[in-house]
Structures are given as C-alpha cells and as structure tokens.
N, C-alpha and C. Protein backbone atom coordinates (compact mmCIF):
# COMPACT_ATOMS: atom_id res chain seq x y z
N MET A 1 37.80 149.67 183.54
CA MET A 1 36.70 149.02 182.73
C MET A 1 37.91 147.95 182.21
N LYS A 2 39.23 148.61 181.54
CA LYS A 2 40.39 147.91 181.04
C LYS A 2 40.79 146.82 181.41
N GLY A 3 40.93 147.01 183.14
CA GLY A 3 41.59 146.12 183.98
C GLY A 3 40.61 145.12 183.83
N ARG A 4 39.39 145.20 184.23
CA ARG A 4 38.41 144.29 183.99
C ARG A 4 38.59 143.21 183.11
N ILE A 5 38.51 144.32 181.91
CA ILE A 5 38.52 142.98 180.24
C ILE A 5 39.74 142.15 180.28
N SER A 6 41.17 142.61 181.15
CA SER A 6 42.52 142.23 180.63
C SER A 6 42.44 140.90 181.86
N VAL A 7 41.06 141.22 182.67
CA VAL A 7 41.42 139.79 184.12
C VAL A 7 40.80 138.90 183.33
N VAL A 8 39.38 139.18 182.56
CA VAL A 8 38.70 138.24 182.00
C VAL A 8 39.33 137.45 180.64
N ILE A 9 40.23 138.12 180.04
CA ILE A 9 41.19 137.51 178.97
C ILE A 9 41.98 136.54 179.44
N SER A 10 42.63 137.02 180.83
CA SER A 10 43.86 136.24 181.28
C SER A 10 43.19 135.05 181.99
N LEU A 11 41.45 135.11 182.58
CA LEU A 11 41.13 133.80 183.13
C LEU A 11 40.61 132.92 181.93
N ILE A 12 40.59 133.40 180.95
CA ILE A 12 40.05 132.56 179.65
C ILE A 12 41.18 131.63 178.82
N LEU A 13 42.29 132.49 178.55
CA LEU A 13 43.40 132.01 178.39
C LEU A 13 44.44 130.99 179.35
N ALA A 14 43.98 131.25 180.54
CA ALA A 14 44.39 130.12 181.78
C ALA A 14 43.23 128.41 181.52
N LEU A 15 42.18 128.86 181.48
CA LEU A 15 41.34 127.69 181.22
C LEU A 15 41.50 127.22 179.86
N VAL A 16 41.81 127.79 178.78
CA VAL A 16 42.28 127.31 177.61
C VAL A 16 43.48 126.10 178.11
N LEU A 17 44.74 126.65 178.48
CA LEU A 17 45.85 126.27 178.48
C LEU A 17 45.51 124.97 179.83
N VAL A 18 44.91 125.03 180.55
CA VAL A 18 44.44 123.91 181.19
C VAL A 18 43.83 122.67 180.55
N ALA A 19 42.90 123.26 179.74
CA ALA A 19 41.97 122.30 178.82
C ALA A 19 43.18 121.79 177.77
N LEU A 20 43.94 122.56 177.27
CA LEU A 20 45.12 121.92 176.42
C LEU A 20 45.92 120.69 177.05
N VAL A 21 46.53 120.90 178.22
CA VAL A 21 47.17 120.30 179.33
C VAL A 21 46.50 119.30 179.55
N ALA A 22 45.28 119.10 179.71
CA ALA A 22 44.52 118.00 180.23
C ALA A 22 44.38 116.86 178.91
N ALA A 23 44.14 117.64 177.71
CA ALA A 23 43.86 116.98 176.59
C ALA A 23 45.41 116.01 176.33
N GLN A 24 46.38 116.75 176.25
CA GLN A 24 47.63 116.04 175.96
C GLN A 24 48.14 114.93 177.14
N THR A 25 47.42 115.44 178.40
CA THR A 25 47.77 114.20 179.05
C THR A 25 47.02 112.93 179.13
N SER A 26 45.58 113.44 178.63
CA SER A 26 44.87 112.02 178.40
C SER A 26 45.42 111.68 176.94
N ASN A 27 45.79 112.23 176.18
CA ASN A 27 45.85 111.56 174.79
C ASN A 27 47.54 110.75 174.93
N SER A 28 48.29 111.01 175.68
CA SER A 28 49.43 110.31 176.06
C SER A 28 48.98 108.92 177.00
N GLY A 29 48.03 108.76 177.69
CA GLY A 29 47.74 108.05 178.13
C GLY A 29 46.98 107.28 177.48
N SER A 30 46.71 107.42 176.74
CA SER A 30 46.07 106.12 175.71
C SER A 30 46.87 105.53 174.67
N SER A 31 47.74 106.70 174.17
CA SER A 31 48.67 105.79 173.15
C SER A 31 49.44 105.16 173.76
N GLY A 32 49.65 104.67 175.10
CA GLY A 32 50.45 103.59 175.29
C GLY A 32 49.75 102.07 175.34
N THR A 33 48.43 102.39 175.38
CA THR A 33 47.46 101.11 175.19
C THR A 33 47.31 101.01 173.55
N THR A 34 47.30 102.21 172.75
CA THR A 34 47.27 101.97 171.86
C THR A 34 48.49 101.06 170.60
N SER A 35 49.72 101.66 171.02
CA SER A 35 50.97 101.13 170.97
C SER A 35 51.25 99.48 171.38
N ALA A 36 50.59 99.62 172.19
CA ALA A 36 50.52 97.80 173.26
C ALA A 36 49.67 96.81 172.17
N SER A 37 48.33 97.38 171.61
CA SER A 37 47.59 96.70 170.77
C SER A 37 48.14 96.65 169.51
N GLN A 38 48.80 98.21 169.05
CA GLN A 38 49.56 97.82 167.50
C GLN A 38 51.03 96.77 168.02
N GLY A 39 51.51 96.74 168.68
CA GLY A 39 52.29 95.73 168.69
C GLY A 39 52.12 94.23 168.85
N SER A 40 50.70 93.79 169.52
CA SER A 40 50.41 92.67 169.50
C SER A 40 49.69 92.31 167.63
N THR A 41 49.24 93.42 167.11
CA THR A 41 49.01 93.26 165.82
C THR A 41 50.07 93.04 164.95
N THR A 42 50.88 93.44 165.02
CA THR A 42 52.14 93.28 164.32
C THR A 42 52.88 92.46 164.42
N SER A 43 52.70 91.84 165.68
CA SER A 43 53.56 90.50 165.81
C SER A 43 52.97 89.55 165.04
N GLN A 44 51.27 89.30 164.86
CA GLN A 44 50.38 88.83 164.51
C GLN A 44 50.70 88.72 163.08
N LYS A 45 50.85 89.84 162.44
CA LYS A 45 51.09 89.99 160.73
C LYS A 45 52.51 89.36 160.50
N THR A 46 53.71 89.22 161.42
CA THR A 46 54.77 88.74 161.27
C THR A 46 54.67 87.43 160.92
N GLU A 47 53.83 86.55 162.08
CA GLU A 47 53.66 85.14 162.14
C GLU A 47 52.80 85.05 160.49
N LYS A 48 52.15 85.25 160.01
CA LYS A 48 51.51 85.09 158.88
C LYS A 48 52.43 85.51 157.67
N ALA A 49 53.40 86.49 157.63
CA ALA A 49 54.05 86.83 156.63
C ALA A 49 54.85 85.68 155.82
N LYS A 50 54.82 86.05 154.58
CA LYS A 50 55.78 85.38 153.89
C LYS A 50 56.93 84.96 154.26
N LYS A 51 57.26 83.56 153.77
CA LYS A 51 58.49 83.03 154.05
C LYS A 51 59.21 83.64 153.14
N VAL A 52 60.58 83.98 153.89
CA VAL A 52 61.58 85.02 153.21
C VAL A 52 62.51 84.07 152.37
N HIS A 53 63.31 84.24 151.60
CA HIS A 53 64.35 83.07 150.67
C HIS A 53 65.72 83.53 151.13
N LEU A 54 66.25 82.61 152.15
CA LEU A 54 67.45 82.54 152.80
C LEU A 54 68.28 81.66 151.85
N PRO A 55 69.49 81.67 151.66
CA PRO A 55 70.44 80.69 151.02
C PRO A 55 70.03 79.43 151.95
N PRO A 56 70.59 78.27 151.61
CA PRO A 56 70.39 77.09 152.14
C PRO A 56 71.24 77.03 153.41
N ASN A 57 70.78 76.59 154.30
CA ASN A 57 71.56 76.14 155.91
C ASN A 57 71.86 77.79 156.58
N PHE A 58 71.11 78.57 156.11
CA PHE A 58 71.46 80.05 156.56
C PHE A 58 69.82 80.71 157.02
N SER A 59 70.15 80.67 158.60
CA SER A 59 68.75 80.95 159.20
C SER A 59 68.71 82.78 159.69
N ALA A 60 67.95 83.00 159.99
CA ALA A 60 67.65 84.61 160.12
C ALA A 60 68.26 84.64 161.65
N ASP A 61 68.93 83.86 162.42
CA ASP A 61 69.82 84.24 163.49
C ASP A 61 70.84 84.30 163.28
N GLU A 62 71.64 83.79 162.68
CA GLU A 62 72.61 83.60 161.75
C GLU A 62 72.69 84.95 160.67
N ALA A 63 72.00 85.06 160.03
CA ALA A 63 71.67 86.58 159.52
C ALA A 63 71.75 87.90 160.55
N TYR A 64 71.36 87.86 161.82
CA TYR A 64 71.22 88.45 162.41
C TYR A 64 72.46 88.71 163.19
N LYS A 65 73.20 87.62 163.81
CA LYS A 65 74.47 87.63 164.12
C LYS A 65 75.69 87.94 162.98
N GLN A 66 75.52 87.65 161.86
CA GLN A 66 76.36 88.06 161.06
C GLN A 66 76.13 89.33 160.31
N ASN A 67 75.12 90.34 160.37
CA ASN A 67 75.11 91.77 160.17
C ASN A 67 75.16 92.60 160.76
N CYS A 68 74.38 92.30 162.24
CA CYS A 68 73.93 93.20 163.05
C CYS A 68 74.93 93.28 164.41
N THR A 69 75.16 92.06 165.09
CA THR A 69 76.05 91.86 166.26
C THR A 69 77.62 92.45 165.60
N ARG A 70 78.12 92.40 164.76
CA ARG A 70 79.56 92.47 164.02
C ARG A 70 79.58 94.04 164.54
N CYS A 71 78.88 94.84 164.78
CA CYS A 71 79.00 96.13 165.34
C CYS A 71 78.18 96.59 166.51
N HIS A 72 77.27 96.08 167.08
CA HIS A 72 76.31 96.18 167.94
C HIS A 72 76.13 94.89 168.91
N ALA A 73 76.19 95.44 170.29
CA ALA A 73 75.56 94.27 171.21
C ALA A 73 74.37 93.95 171.14
N GLU A 74 74.18 93.05 171.85
CA GLU A 74 72.73 92.93 172.02
C GLU A 74 71.79 93.81 172.38
N VAL A 75 70.91 94.21 172.10
CA VAL A 75 69.89 95.41 171.87
C VAL A 75 69.07 95.14 173.15
N PRO A 76 68.19 96.14 173.64
CA PRO A 76 66.73 95.59 174.76
C PRO A 76 65.91 95.29 173.77
N PRO A 77 64.72 94.80 174.23
CA PRO A 77 63.53 95.06 173.10
C PRO A 77 62.92 96.12 172.97
N VAL A 78 62.71 96.43 171.91
CA VAL A 78 61.87 97.96 171.79
C VAL A 78 60.49 97.35 170.76
N SER A 79 59.97 98.15 170.69
CA SER A 79 58.73 98.18 169.94
C SER A 79 58.74 97.69 168.82
N ALA A 80 57.85 96.89 168.19
CA ALA A 80 57.84 96.05 166.37
C ALA A 80 57.91 97.42 165.57
N ARG A 81 57.23 98.70 165.75
CA ARG A 81 57.38 99.45 164.78
C ARG A 81 58.78 100.27 164.71
N ARG A 82 59.11 100.65 166.31
CA ARG A 82 60.55 100.99 166.34
C ARG A 82 61.88 99.98 165.39
N THR A 83 61.74 98.84 166.02
CA THR A 83 62.42 97.72 165.25
C THR A 83 62.27 97.81 163.71
N LYS A 84 61.32 97.70 163.12
CA LYS A 84 60.91 97.76 161.46
C LYS A 84 61.83 99.39 161.37
N THR A 85 61.59 100.32 161.48
CA THR A 85 62.01 101.45 161.26
C THR A 85 63.76 101.33 161.64
N ILE A 86 64.22 100.65 162.38
CA ILE A 86 65.57 100.62 162.57
C ILE A 86 66.22 99.67 161.53
N VAL A 87 65.65 98.48 161.11
CA VAL A 87 65.99 97.30 160.64
C VAL A 87 66.04 97.92 159.06
N ARG A 88 65.07 98.90 158.59
CA ARG A 88 65.27 99.49 157.75
C ARG A 88 66.42 100.29 157.05
N HIS A 89 66.52 101.43 157.98
CA HIS A 89 67.66 102.14 158.18
C HIS A 89 69.17 101.56 158.24
N MET A 90 68.96 100.44 158.79
CA MET A 90 70.51 99.81 159.33
C MET A 90 70.70 98.66 157.57
N ARG A 91 69.58 98.26 156.95
CA ARG A 91 69.88 97.51 155.92
C ARG A 91 70.51 98.45 154.77
N VAL A 92 70.34 99.59 154.48
CA VAL A 92 71.16 100.50 153.47
C VAL A 92 72.71 100.25 154.15
N ARG A 93 72.82 100.70 155.78
CA ARG A 93 74.13 100.99 155.98
C ARG A 93 74.93 99.63 155.86
N ALA A 94 74.42 98.34 156.47
CA ALA A 94 75.09 97.01 156.44
C ALA A 94 75.18 96.53 155.19
N ASN A 95 74.39 96.85 153.88
CA ASN A 95 74.95 96.15 153.11
C ASN A 95 73.75 94.79 153.04
N VAL A 96 72.50 94.98 153.34
CA VAL A 96 71.89 93.86 153.59
C VAL A 96 70.78 93.77 152.60
N THR A 97 70.68 92.23 152.16
CA THR A 97 69.57 92.01 151.11
C THR A 97 68.25 92.21 151.88
N ALA A 98 67.46 92.46 150.86
CA ALA A 98 66.07 92.35 151.23
C ALA A 98 65.14 91.37 152.06
N ASP A 99 65.70 90.23 151.67
CA ASP A 99 65.05 88.72 152.20
C ASP A 99 65.87 88.66 153.57
N GLU A 100 67.17 88.98 153.60
CA GLU A 100 67.64 89.16 154.84
C GLU A 100 67.24 90.06 155.75
N ALA A 101 66.66 91.36 155.45
CA ALA A 101 66.18 92.21 156.29
C ALA A 101 65.16 91.66 157.02
N GLN A 102 64.24 91.11 155.96
CA GLN A 102 62.79 90.36 156.47
C GLN A 102 62.94 89.46 157.24
N ALA A 103 64.14 88.79 157.27
CA ALA A 103 64.21 87.71 158.04
C ALA A 103 64.83 88.05 159.94
N ILE A 104 65.54 88.94 159.35
CA ILE A 104 66.00 89.76 160.48
C ILE A 104 64.85 90.47 161.14
N LEU A 105 64.01 91.26 160.70
CA LEU A 105 62.84 91.45 161.32
C LEU A 105 61.94 90.66 162.17
N GLN A 106 61.84 89.65 161.13
CA GLN A 106 60.97 88.45 162.04
C GLN A 106 61.39 88.02 163.24
N TYR A 107 62.84 87.65 163.09
CA TYR A 107 63.52 87.54 164.33
C TYR A 107 63.51 88.22 165.37
N LEU A 108 63.55 89.63 164.89
CA LEU A 108 63.72 90.62 166.51
C LEU A 108 62.35 91.17 166.62
N THR A 109 61.30 90.90 166.18
CA THR A 109 60.13 90.68 166.59
C THR A 109 59.15 89.71 166.76
N GLN A 110 59.92 88.38 167.16
CA GLN A 110 58.95 87.46 167.81
C GLN A 110 58.76 86.84 168.91
C-alpha cells in the first residue's frame, strides 16, 4: 500500500513538472512577440517625443560620438528597452546631461 502511494505521488509530481516546463516554454515563445511589439511601440513614442535642447550646431550624432565612442566601439543594435537602460546607466558614468542622454537615446533607437 505504501509503495503504491509513493508511485502515485511520484506520477503526480512528474505531471506537475511537465506542466510547469510546458508553461515556461509557451511563455518564452510569446515574450519574443511581445518584445517585438513593444519595440515598435517604443520607436513610435520616440518619434513623438519632445525635441531635446542641445547646444546650437550640436546634433544627437555628435553627442553620441563625443560621449559614447570615446570609450566604446560601435555597438550592435539592441532592443529599445535595453538601450534606454544602458543610456540611463552611462549618463551617470559619462557625465552626460539629460538633454544629451535623450538625444542619444533617440539617435540609437531610430
């Protein structure tokens, strides 16, 4: 009787484990679609974003080259969400103004 109960419990645990793995697999598949749609939404938001105030004759491209490429080589494209996080972290480290950071973010996500 005890052996039979342990077999039943083992089967139930195995089924729960399989269900959890299946749920994780389906969630990771749909997250790719979600992040793709979020990327397009984010790019639409940056197009509608307010104009940043940079010094005269100073473009976002120049802000990127002056502040980012002095330490980093050209980076491969990453998601808009990740780019925003990176710019936020590097703003503090590179002493970039808020307007320059916004311009760089718009430049990188276009």
